[in-house]
Amino acid sequence: MTLQQLRYALAIADHGSINGAAKELFISQSSLSGAIKELENEIGFNIFVRTNRGILVTGEGEEFLNYARGVSEQFGLLYERYVEKRAKEKFSVSMQHYTFAVKAFIDTVKTAGIDCYEFAVYETTTAEVIENVKNLKSEIGILYRSEFNEKALTKIISENGLEFVELFQCDTYVYLWHRHPLAEKDRISMQELAPFPCLAFDQGKNNSYYFAEEMNSTYEYERLIHASDRATLLNLMVGLNAYTLCSGIICEELNGEDYKAIPLVESEKNLHRFCEAKRNKNQSNRRSVHTCPKTLF
């Protein structure tokens, strides 16, 4: 089986005829038919059957062609990158669930001035943010760090060959739907929030207080709901008058005006920092994590 035979078979399937495929491939019909016959003999079944309506793909042939198309496309990518040298500029960011970071990513794409690129953004768990930067899946990671989790996160970051750099600090805010019963208050206390469900992002198998994205993660909430994505949390805010705790940095350009951030009375001022993880320029075998304040939406 050769790559050329796979391409011959794909051409016949795309054209629905040996004649059309032969013209595209600039070979004779007999040569094309002979190549396909050899391929079918090798794999042990017919890829095509001839009918009075033309060439039809068999059931086994359909499955075979799906694999063949994948192989052909992968080869094309390899050839483009390493033979034609048409490599794309690549950049990746892993983050906890922050709208401000998504907005920064959008601005980066708009202002990069690159014609050919392949960028990626991953909203994921705290542990996976660190893992992605460690394994070079992402160049930068954005994390929340506080006085409570500072020692644990600093140790984990260091053990993974990363560094952290503080981006900014912030107070604690209550993030909720604009029609929430408490939405018109200037400040909200934890006692006032007690009747309403608190929302938190699930951290998977690393679901410990130290990996939590939310401020006041050790508080004993009577009503607590975990979810895995921002869209679900926003829906829960509307449907259940639920809330979460964040930095107060919101992005109306992306999320609209349906949500508000109101200062928390028990705010731990200057204890909440966000982290940006990236490679250390001075040490090629290390990357770094920078601290900054927490924004969930």
C-alpha atoms as a PDB file:
ATOM      1  CA  MET A   1       0.000   0.000   0.000  1.00  0.00           C
ATOM      2  CA  THR A   2       1.430   3.368  -0.980  1.00  0.00           C
ATOM      3  CA  LEU A   3       0.438   6.994  -0.456  1.00  0.00           C
ATOM      4  CA  GLN A   4       0.022   7.295  -4.211  1.00  0.00           C
ATOM      5  CA  GLN A   5      -2.522   4.466  -4.247  1.00  0.00           C
ATOM      6  CA  LEU A   6      -4.469   6.146  -1.460  1.00  0.00           C
ATOM      7  CA  ARG A   7      -4.568   9.379  -3.434  1.00  0.00           C
ATOM      8  CA  TYR A   8      -5.736   7.505  -6.534  1.00  0.00           C
ATOM      9  CA  ALA A   9      -8.599   5.944  -4.573  1.00  0.00           C
ATOM     10  CA  LEU A  10      -9.596   9.305  -3.082  1.00  0.00           C
ATOM     11  CA  ALA A  11      -9.590  10.925  -6.511  1.00  0.00           C
ATOM     12  CA  ILE A  12     -11.919   8.253  -7.900  1.00  0.00           C
ATOM     13  CA  ALA A  13     -14.270   8.654  -4.915  1.00  0.00           C
ATOM     14  CA  ASP A  14     -14.326  12.443  -5.303  1.00  0.00           C
ATOM     15  CA  HIS A  15     -15.015  12.324  -9.053  1.00  0.00           C
ATOM     16  CA  GLY A  16     -17.299   9.294  -9.025  1.00  0.00           C
ATOM     17  CA  SER A  17     -15.560   7.985 -12.120  1.00  0.00           C
ATOM     18  CA  ILE A  18     -12.218   6.574 -13.208  1.00  0.00           C
ATOM     19  CA  ASN A  19     -12.200   8.784 -16.284  1.00  0.00           C
ATOM     20  CA  GLY A  20     -12.509  12.034 -14.303  1.00  0.00           C
ATOM     21  CA  ALA A  21      -9.934  10.929 -11.744  1.00  0.00           C
ATOM     22  CA  ALA A  22      -7.474   9.902 -14.461  1.00  0.00           C
ATOM     23  CA  LYS A  23      -7.714  13.327 -16.107  1.00  0.00           C
ATOM     24  CA  GLU A  24      -7.068  15.089 -12.802  1.00  0.00           C
ATOM     25  CA  LEU A  25      -4.116  12.824 -12.015  1.00  0.00           C
ATOM     26  CA  PHE A  26      -2.698  13.029 -15.584  1.00  0.00           C
ATOM     27  CA  ILE A  27      -2.474   9.262 -15.983  1.00  0.00           C
ATOM     28  CA  SER A  28      -4.236   6.781 -18.228  1.00  0.00           C
ATOM     29  CA  GLN A  29      -7.436   5.056 -17.156  1.00  0.00           C
ATOM     30  CA  SER A  30      -5.770   1.655 -17.477  1.00  0.00           C
ATOM     31  CA  SER A  31      -2.896   2.672 -15.180  1.00  0.00           C
ATOM     32  CA  LEU A  32      -5.333   4.033 -12.605  1.00  0.00           C
ATOM     33  CA  SER A  33      -7.532   0.923 -12.763  1.00  0.00           C
ATOM     34  CA  GLY A  34      -4.466  -1.297 -12.392  1.00  0.00           C
ATOM     35  CA  ALA A  35      -3.216   0.616  -9.327  1.00  0.00           C
ATOM     36  CA  ILE A  36      -6.611   0.374  -7.617  1.00  0.00           C
ATOM     37  CA  LYS A  37      -6.861  -3.348  -8.444  1.00  0.00           C
ATOM     38  CA  GLU A  38      -3.467  -3.966  -6.812  1.00  0.00           C
ATOM     39  CA  LEU A  39      -4.588  -2.015  -3.743  1.00  0.00           C
ATOM     40  CA  GLU A  40      -7.839  -3.957  -3.452  1.00  0.00           C
ATOM     41  CA  ASN A  41      -5.986  -7.271  -3.793  1.00  0.00           C
ATOM     42  CA  GLU A  42      -3.638  -6.226  -0.977  1.00  0.00           C
ATOM     43  CA  ILE A  43      -6.340  -5.165   1.487  1.00  0.00           C
ATOM     44  CA  GLY A  44      -8.645  -8.059   0.587  1.00  0.00           C
ATOM     45  CA  PHE A  45     -11.861  -6.292  -0.422  1.00  0.00           C
ATOM     46  CA  ASN A  46     -13.291  -4.044  -3.128  1.00  0.00           C
ATOM     47  CA  ILE A  47     -13.230  -0.333  -2.524  1.00  0.00           C
ATOM     48  CA  PHE A  48     -15.391   0.386  -5.559  1.00  0.00           C
ATOM     49  CA  VAL A  49     -17.973  -1.458  -7.619  1.00  0.00           C
ATOM     50  CA  ARG A  50     -18.832  -0.627 -11.230  1.00  0.00           C
ATOM     51  CA  THR A  51     -22.505  -0.213 -12.099  1.00  0.00           C
ATOM     52  CA  ASN A  52     -24.384   1.166 -15.060  1.00  0.00           C
ATOM     53  CA  ARG A  53     -24.578   4.397 -13.062  1.00  0.00           C
ATOM     54  CA  GLY A  54     -20.811   4.609 -12.667  1.00  0.00           C
ATOM     55  CA  ILE A  55     -18.435   3.914  -9.802  1.00  0.00           C
ATOM     56  CA  LEU A  56     -19.919   3.344  -6.320  1.00  0.00           C
ATOM     57  CA  VAL A  57     -18.051   3.037  -3.016  1.00  0.00           C
ATOM     58  CA  THR A  58     -18.642  -0.164  -1.035  1.00  0.00           C
ATOM     59  CA  GLY A  59     -19.377  -0.194   2.685  1.00  0.00           C
ATOM     60  CA  GLU A  60     -15.869  -1.415   3.506  1.00  0.00           C
ATOM     61  CA  GLY A  61     -14.498   1.030   0.969  1.00  0.00           C
ATOM     62  CA  GLU A  62     -16.207   3.951   2.711  1.00  0.00           C
ATOM     63  CA  GLU A  63     -14.453   3.147   5.987  1.00  0.00           C
ATOM     64  CA  PHE A  64     -11.145   2.614   4.201  1.00  0.00           C
ATOM     65  CA  LEU A  65     -11.400   5.952   2.401  1.00  0.00           C
ATOM     66  CA  ASN A  66     -12.062   7.782   5.677  1.00  0.00           C
ATOM     67  CA  TYR A  67      -8.747   6.490   7.004  1.00  0.00           C
ATOM     68  CA  ALA A  68      -7.039   7.169   3.677  1.00  0.00           C
ATOM     69  CA  ARG A  69      -8.220  10.769   3.660  1.00  0.00           C
ATOM     70  CA  GLY A  70      -6.835  11.307   7.140  1.00  0.00           C
ATOM     71  CA  VAL A  71      -3.465   9.865   6.150  1.00  0.00           C
ATOM     72  CA  SER A  72      -3.352  12.007   3.005  1.00  0.00           C
ATOM     73  CA  GLU A  73      -4.198  15.193   4.912  1.00  0.00           C
ATOM     74  CA  GLN A  74      -1.583  14.502   7.579  1.00  0.00           C
ATOM     75  CA  PHE A  75       1.041  13.912   4.921  1.00  0.00           C
ATOM     76  CA  GLY A  76       0.069  17.208   3.318  1.00  0.00           C
ATOM     77  CA  LEU A  77       0.628  19.013   6.598  1.00  0.00           C
ATOM     78  CA  LEU A  78       4.024  17.361   7.053  1.00  0.00           C
ATOM     79  CA  TYR A  79       5.058  18.245   3.514  1.00  0.00           C
ATOM     80  CA  GLU A  80       3.891  21.827   3.893  1.00  0.00           C
ATOM     81  CA  ARG A  81       5.734  22.342   7.151  1.00  0.00           C
ATOM     82  CA  TYR A  82       9.002  20.543   6.564  1.00  0.00           C
ATOM     83  CA  VAL A  83       9.457  20.554   2.785  1.00  0.00           C
ATOM     84  CA  GLU A  84       7.750  23.729   1.618  1.00  0.00           C
ATOM     85  CA  LYS A  85       8.700  25.450   4.927  1.00  0.00           C
ATOM     86  CA  ARG A  86       5.303  27.097   5.268  1.00  0.00           C
ATOM     87  CA  ALA A  87       5.214  26.873   9.053  1.00  0.00           C
ATOM     88  CA  LYS A  88       2.486  28.813  10.840  1.00  0.00           C
ATOM     89  CA  GLU A  89       3.152  31.108  13.762  1.00  0.00           C
ATOM     90  CA  LYS A  90       1.874  29.354  16.887  1.00  0.00           C
ATOM     91  CA  PHE A  91       0.831  30.706  20.275  1.00  0.00           C
ATOM     92  CA  SER A  92      -1.184  29.127  23.093  1.00  0.00           C
ATOM     93  CA  VAL A  93      -2.604  30.303  26.422  1.00  0.00           C
ATOM     94  CA  SER A  94      -4.049  28.146  29.209  1.00  0.00           C
ATOM     95  CA  MET A  95      -6.181  29.848  31.834  1.00  0.00           C
ATOM     96  CA  GLN A  96      -8.702  29.472  34.547  1.00  0.00           C
ATOM     97  CA  HIS A  97     -12.098  30.902  33.592  1.00  0.00           C
ATOM     98  CA  TYR A  98     -11.343  34.607  33.061  1.00  0.00           C
ATOM     99  CA  THR A  99     -13.082  36.898  30.606  1.00  0.00           C
ATOM    100  CA  PHE A 100     -10.322  39.488  30.942  1.00  0.00           C
ATOM    101  CA  ALA A 101      -7.805  36.912  29.714  1.00  0.00           C
ATOM    102  CA  VAL A 102     -10.054  35.934  26.796  1.00  0.00           C
ATOM    103  CA  LYS A 103     -10.355  39.630  25.902  1.00  0.00           C
ATOM    104  CA  ALA A 104      -6.561  39.966  25.993  1.00  0.00           C
ATOM    105  CA  PHE A 105      -6.262  36.923  23.725  1.00  0.00           C
ATOM    106  CA  ILE A 106      -8.743  38.449  21.262  1.00  0.00           C
ATOM    107  CA  ASP A 107      -6.768  41.697  21.192  1.00  0.00           C
ATOM    108  CA  THR A 108      -3.571  39.725  20.607  1.00  0.00           C
ATOM    109  CA  VAL A 109      -5.057  37.936  17.597  1.00  0.00           C
ATOM    110  CA  LYS A 110      -6.364  41.215  16.160  1.00  0.00           C
ATOM    111  CA  THR A 111      -3.089  43.091  16.556  1.00  0.00           C
ATOM    112  CA  ALA A 112      -0.596  40.294  15.854  1.00  0.00           C
ATOM    113  CA  GLY A 113      -0.189  41.324  12.236  1.00  0.00           C
ATOM    114  CA  ILE A 114       0.388  37.732  11.146  1.00  0.00           C
ATOM    115  CA  ASP A 115      -1.124  36.347   7.949  1.00  0.00           C
ATOM    116  CA  CYS A 116      -0.645  32.665   8.763  1.00  0.00           C
ATOM    117  CA  TYR A 117      -1.066  31.485  12.341  1.00  0.00           C
ATOM    118  CA  GLU A 118      -2.404  28.732  14.576  1.00  0.00           C
ATOM    119  CA  PHE A 119      -3.336  30.057  18.016  1.00  0.00           C
ATOM    120  CA  ALA A 120      -5.025  28.242  20.893  1.00  0.00           C
ATOM    121  CA  VAL A 121      -6.752  29.191  24.130  1.00  0.00           C
ATOM    122  CA  TYR A 122      -7.691  26.653  26.809  1.00  0.00           C
ATOM    123  CA  GLU A 123     -10.056  27.405  29.694  1.00  0.00           C
ATOM    124  CA  THR A 124      -9.346  24.587  32.094  1.00  0.00           C
ATOM    125  CA  THR A 125      -8.545  23.531  35.653  1.00  0.00           C
ATOM    126  CA  THR A 126      -5.763  24.988  37.775  1.00  0.00           C
ATOM    127  CA  ALA A 127      -3.691  21.797  37.645  1.00  0.00           C
ATOM    128  CA  GLU A 128      -4.022  21.542  33.863  1.00  0.00           C
ATOM    129  CA  VAL A 129      -2.952  25.159  33.381  1.00  0.00           C
ATOM    130  CA  ILE A 130       0.309  24.320  35.148  1.00  0.00           C
ATOM    131  CA  GLU A 131       0.634  21.019  33.287  1.00  0.00           C
ATOM    132  CA  ASN A 132       0.064  22.656  29.886  1.00  0.00           C
ATOM    133  CA  VAL A 133       2.808  25.216  30.435  1.00  0.00           C
ATOM    134  CA  LYS A 134       5.152  22.582  31.844  1.00  0.00           C
ATOM    135  CA  ASN A 135       4.651  20.362  28.783  1.00  0.00           C
ATOM    136  CA  LEU A 136       4.917  23.296  26.313  1.00  0.00           C
ATOM    137  CA  LYS A 137       1.317  22.916  25.177  1.00  0.00           C
ATOM    138  CA  SER A 138       0.936  26.569  26.163  1.00  0.00           C
ATOM    139  CA  GLU A 139       3.476  29.364  26.358  1.00  0.00           C
ATOM    140  CA  ILE A 140       1.502  31.265  28.995  1.00  0.00           C
ATOM    141  CA  GLY A 141      -0.816  30.289  31.841  1.00  0.00           C
ATOM    142  CA  ILE A 142      -3.117  32.558  33.874  1.00  0.00           C
ATOM    143  CA  LEU A 143      -3.829  31.589  37.507  1.00  0.00           C
ATOM    144  CA  TYR A 144      -5.334  33.067  40.654  1.00  0.00           C
ATOM    145  CA  ARG A 145      -3.152  33.164  43.761  1.00  0.00           C
ATOM    146  CA  SER A 146      -4.061  34.374  47.241  1.00  0.00           C
ATOM    147  CA  GLU A 147      -2.463  34.500  50.667  1.00  0.00           C
ATOM    148  CA  PHE A 148      -4.253  31.222  51.438  1.00  0.00           C
ATOM    149  CA  ASN A 149      -2.961  29.175  48.477  1.00  0.00           C
ATOM    150  CA  GLU A 150       0.325  31.032  47.916  1.00  0.00           C
ATOM    151  CA  LYS A 151       2.636  28.538  49.619  1.00  0.00           C
ATOM    152  CA  ALA A 152       1.032  25.490  48.008  1.00  0.00           C
ATOM    153  CA  LEU A 153       0.914  26.961  44.489  1.00  0.00           C
ATOM    154  CA  THR A 154       4.425  28.389  44.729  1.00  0.00           C
ATOM    155  CA  LYS A 155       5.753  24.956  45.683  1.00  0.00           C
ATOM    156  CA  ILE A 156       3.886  23.230  42.835  1.00  0.00           C
ATOM    157  CA  ILE A 157       4.976  25.857  40.315  1.00  0.00           C
ATOM    158  CA  SER A 158       8.601  25.522  41.376  1.00  0.00           C
ATOM    159  CA  GLU A 159       8.503  21.709  41.307  1.00  0.00           C
ATOM    160  CA  ASN A 160       7.298  21.885  37.697  1.00  0.00           C
ATOM    161  CA  GLY A 161      10.200  24.088  36.619  1.00  0.00           C
ATOM    162  CA  LEU A 162       8.065  27.230  36.331  1.00  0.00           C
ATOM    163  CA  GLU A 163       8.165  30.700  37.816  1.00  0.00           C
ATOM    164  CA  PHE A 164       5.424  33.173  38.699  1.00  0.00           C
ATOM    165  CA  VAL A 165       5.238  36.915  38.136  1.00  0.00           C
ATOM    166  CA  GLU A 166       2.494  39.044  39.672  1.00  0.00           C
ATOM    167  CA  LEU A 167       0.253  40.878  37.207  1.00  0.00           C
ATOM    168  CA  PHE A 168      -2.099  42.812  39.497  1.00  0.00           C
ATOM    169  CA  GLN A 169      -4.022  42.671  42.779  1.00  0.00           C
ATOM    170  CA  CYS A 170      -7.677  43.231  43.568  1.00  0.00           C
ATOM    171  CA  ASP A 171     -10.422  43.175  46.164  1.00  0.00           C
ATOM    172  CA  THR A 172     -13.163  40.548  46.306  1.00  0.00           C
ATOM    173  CA  TYR A 173     -16.427  41.149  44.452  1.00  0.00           C
ATOM    174  CA  VAL A 174     -19.743  39.318  44.237  1.00  0.00           C
ATOM    175  CA  TYR A 175     -20.613  38.432  40.653  1.00  0.00           C
ATOM    176  CA  LEU A 176     -24.331  37.954  39.952  1.00  0.00           C
ATOM    177  CA  TRP A 177     -27.223  38.470  37.526  1.00  0.00           C
ATOM    178  CA  HIS A 178     -28.425  42.079  37.201  1.00  0.00           C
ATOM    179  CA  ARG A 179     -31.925  41.029  38.399  1.00  0.00           C
ATOM    180  CA  HIS A 180     -30.634  39.241  41.484  1.00  0.00           C
ATOM    181  CA  PRO A 181     -32.412  40.436  44.698  1.00  0.00           C
ATOM    182  CA  LEU A 182     -29.094  41.930  45.901  1.00  0.00           C
ATOM    183  CA  ALA A 183     -28.064  43.449  42.567  1.00  0.00           C
ATOM    184  CA  GLU A 184     -28.901  47.056  43.545  1.00  0.00           C
ATOM    185  CA  LYS A 185     -26.809  47.077  46.719  1.00  0.00           C
ATOM    186  CA  ASP A 186     -23.547  49.044  46.900  1.00  0.00           C
ATOM    187  CA  ARG A 187     -21.852  46.343  49.003  1.00  0.00           C
ATOM    188  CA  ILE A 188     -22.839  42.776  49.904  1.00  0.00           C
ATOM    189  CA  SER A 189     -21.911  40.719  52.985  1.00  0.00           C
ATOM    190  CA  MET A 190     -21.470  36.966  53.266  1.00  0.00           C
ATOM    191  CA  GLN A 191     -24.450  36.910  55.644  1.00  0.00           C
ATOM    192  CA  GLU A 192     -26.672  38.470  52.962  1.00  0.00           C
ATOM    193  CA  LEU A 193     -25.444  35.875  50.447  1.00  0.00           C
ATOM    194  CA  ALA A 194     -26.252  32.919  52.719  1.00  0.00           C
ATOM    195  CA  PRO A 195     -29.747  32.205  51.265  1.00  0.00           C
ATOM    196  CA  PHE A 196     -28.383  31.972  47.704  1.00  0.00           C
ATOM    197  CA  PRO A 197     -26.313  29.224  46.029  1.00  0.00           C
ATOM    198  CA  CYS A 198     -22.606  29.884  45.581  1.00  0.00           C
ATOM    199  CA  LEU A 199     -21.045  28.747  42.291  1.00  0.00           C
ATOM    200  CA  ALA A 200     -17.557  27.287  41.914  1.00  0.00           C
ATOM    201  CA  PHE A 201     -15.581  25.790  39.051  1.00  0.00           C
ATOM    202  CA  ASP A 202     -14.927  22.074  39.387  1.00  0.00           C
ATOM    203  CA  GLN A 203     -11.240  21.163  39.518  1.00  0.00           C
ATOM    204  CA  GLY A 204     -11.617  17.478  38.660  1.00  0.00           C
ATOM    205  CA  LYS A 205      -9.366  15.071  40.518  1.00  0.00           C
ATOM    206  CA  ASN A 206      -7.457  18.043  41.981  1.00  0.00           C
ATOM    207  CA  ASN A 207     -10.553  19.509  43.630  1.00  0.00           C
ATOM    208  CA  SER A 208      -8.798  20.891  46.727  1.00  0.00           C
ATOM    209  CA  TYR A 209      -9.051  24.315  48.344  1.00  0.00           C
ATOM    210  CA  TYR A 210      -5.571  25.211  47.070  1.00  0.00           C
ATOM    211  CA  PHE A 211      -6.639  24.728  43.438  1.00  0.00           C
ATOM    212  CA  ALA A 212      -9.921  26.638  43.724  1.00  0.00           C
ATOM    213  CA  GLU A 213     -10.447  29.550  41.338  1.00  0.00           C
ATOM    214  CA  GLU A 214     -12.874  31.337  43.648  1.00  0.00           C
ATOM    215  CA  MET A 215     -11.936  33.647  46.508  1.00  0.00           C
ATOM    216  CA  ASN A 216     -12.910  32.588  50.042  1.00  0.00           C
ATOM    217  CA  SER A 217     -12.679  28.949  48.947  1.00  0.00           C
ATOM    218  CA  THR A 218     -12.512  27.681  52.557  1.00  0.00           C
ATOM    219  CA  TYR A 219     -15.733  29.405  53.604  1.00  0.00           C
ATOM    220  CA  GLU A 220     -18.429  26.979  54.815  1.00  0.00           C
ATOM    221  CA  TYR A 221     -21.147  27.558  52.219  1.00  0.00           C
ATOM    222  CA  GLU A 222     -24.549  26.068  52.993  1.00  0.00           C
ATOM    223  CA  ARG A 223     -25.410  25.969  49.282  1.00  0.00           C
ATOM    224  CA  LEU A 224     -22.600  25.237  46.854  1.00  0.00           C
ATOM    225  CA  ILE A 225     -22.839  24.196  43.193  1.00  0.00           C
ATOM    226  CA  HIS A 226     -19.864  23.067  41.078  1.00  0.00           C
ATOM    227  CA  ALA A 227     -19.788  23.434  37.297  1.00  0.00           C
ATOM    228  CA  SER A 228     -17.122  23.023  34.629  1.00  0.00           C
ATOM    229  CA  ASP A 229     -17.667  25.948  32.247  1.00  0.00           C
ATOM    230  CA  ARG A 230     -18.543  29.640  32.318  1.00  0.00           C
ATOM    231  CA  ALA A 231     -21.665  29.338  30.167  1.00  0.00           C
ATOM    232  CA  THR A 232     -23.240  26.922  32.645  1.00  0.00           C
ATOM    233  CA  LEU A 233     -22.381  29.155  35.600  1.00  0.00           C
ATOM    234  CA  LEU A 234     -23.977  32.150  33.889  1.00  0.00           C
ATOM    235  CA  ASN A 235     -27.125  30.110  33.260  1.00  0.00           C
ATOM    236  CA  LEU A 236     -27.212  29.033  36.904  1.00  0.00           C
ATOM    237  CA  MET A 237     -26.916  32.659  37.986  1.00  0.00           C
ATOM    238  CA  VAL A 238     -30.047  33.496  36.036  1.00  0.00           C
ATOM    239  CA  GLY A 239     -32.035  30.364  36.896  1.00  0.00           C
ATOM    240  CA  LEU A 240     -31.174  30.099  40.588  1.00  0.00           C
ATOM    241  CA  ASN A 241     -30.185  33.639  41.610  1.00  0.00           C
ATOM    242  CA  ALA A 242     -26.781  32.131  42.286  1.00  0.00           C
ATOM    243  CA  TYR A 243     -23.499  34.036  42.576  1.00  0.00           C
ATOM    244  CA  THR A 244     -19.765  33.600  42.613  1.00  0.00           C
ATOM    245  CA  LEU A 245     -16.835  35.597  43.997  1.00  0.00           C
ATOM    246  CA  CYS A 246     -14.393  37.282  41.653  1.00  0.00           C
ATOM    247  CA  SER A 247     -12.060  40.247  41.183  1.00  0.00           C
ATOM    248  CA  GLY A 248     -14.686  42.612  39.853  1.00  0.00           C
ATOM    249  CA  ILE A 249     -12.967  42.895  36.488  1.00  0.00           C
ATOM    250  CA  ILE A 250     -15.783  42.248  34.049  1.00  0.00           C
ATOM    251  CA  CYS A 251     -15.945  42.566  30.283  1.00  0.00           C
ATOM    252  CA  GLU A 252     -19.280  43.923  29.050  1.00  0.00           C
ATOM    253  CA  GLU A 253     -17.978  43.855  25.486  1.00  0.00           C
ATOM    254  CA  LEU A 254     -18.011  40.037  25.615  1.00  0.00           C
ATOM    255  CA  ASN A 255     -20.658  39.245  28.247  1.00  0.00           C
ATOM    256  CA  GLY A 256     -23.101  42.105  27.785  1.00  0.00           C
ATOM    257  CA  GLU A 257     -24.692  44.116  30.598  1.00  0.00           C
ATOM    258  CA  ASP A 258     -26.717  41.340  32.224  1.00  0.00           C
ATOM    259  CA  TYR A 259     -24.230  40.722  35.048  1.00  0.00           C
ATOM    260  CA  LYS A 260     -22.816  42.892  37.812  1.00  0.00           C
ATOM    261  CA  ALA A 261     -19.826  42.848  40.150  1.00  0.00           C
ATOM    262  CA  ILE A 262     -20.503  44.315  43.607  1.00  0.00           C
ATOM    263  CA  PRO A 263     -17.852  44.728  46.365  1.00  0.00           C
ATOM    264  CA  LEU A 264     -17.890  42.107  49.117  1.00  0.00           C
ATOM    265  CA  VAL A 265     -17.922  43.554  52.645  1.00  0.00           C
ATOM    266  CA  GLU A 266     -15.453  40.913  53.858  1.00  0.00           C
ATOM    267  CA  SER A 267     -13.034  41.583  50.999  1.00  0.00           C
ATOM    268  CA  GLU A 268      -9.457  40.458  51.565  1.00  0.00           C
ATOM    269  CA  LYS A 269      -7.844  43.526  50.037  1.00  0.00           C
ATOM    270  CA  ASN A 270      -4.527  42.973  48.262  1.00  0.00           C
ATOM    271  CA  LEU A 271      -4.518  39.275  49.041  1.00  0.00           C
ATOM    272  CA  HIS A 272      -5.898  38.204  45.675  1.00  0.00           C
ATOM    273  CA  ARG A 273      -3.453  37.996  42.813  1.00  0.00           C
ATOM    274  CA  PHE A 274      -3.489  36.451  39.375  1.00  0.00           C
ATOM    275  CA  CYS A 275      -0.644  34.474  37.875  1.00  0.00           C
ATOM    276  CA  GLU A 276       0.656  34.334  34.349  1.00  0.00           C
ATOM    277  CA  ALA A 277       2.780  31.300  33.521  1.00  0.00           C
ATOM    278  CA  LYS A 278       5.360  31.556  30.777  1.00  0.00           C
ATOM    279  CA  ARG A 279       8.879  30.523  29.818  1.00  0.00           C
ATOM    280  CA  ASN A 280      11.699  32.256  31.630  1.00  0.00           C
ATOM    281  CA  LYS A 281      13.762  34.122  29.024  1.00  0.00           C
ATOM    282  CA  ASN A 282      16.931  33.710  31.079  1.00  0.00           C
ATOM    283  CA  GLN A 283      16.583  29.962  31.531  1.00  0.00           C
ATOM    284  CA  SER A 284      15.558  28.045  28.410  1.00  0.00           C
ATOM    285  CA  ASN A 285      14.495  24.997  30.412  1.00  0.00           C
ATOM    286  CA  ARG A 286      12.121  26.909  32.673  1.00  0.00           C
ATOM    287  CA  ARG A 287       8.849  28.781  32.301  1.00  0.00           C
ATOM    288  CA  SER A 288       7.192  31.194  34.682  1.00  0.00           C
ATOM    289  CA  VAL A 289       3.851  31.801  36.382  1.00  0.00           C
ATOM    290  CA  HIS A 290       2.855  35.381  37.141  1.00  0.00           C
ATOM    291  CA  THR A 291       0.403  36.379  39.854  1.00  0.00           C
ATOM    292  CA  CYS A 292      -2.601  38.561  39.194  1.00  0.00           C
ATOM    293  CA  PRO A 293      -6.157  39.158  40.588  1.00  0.00           C
ATOM    294  CA  LYS A 294      -9.073  36.796  40.031  1.00  0.00           C
ATOM    295  CA  THR A 295     -11.744  37.336  37.356  1.00  0.00           C
ATOM    296  CA  LEU A 296     -14.132  34.553  36.490  1.00  0.00           C
ATOM    297  CA  PHE A 297     -16.276  36.161  33.814  1.00  0.00           C
END
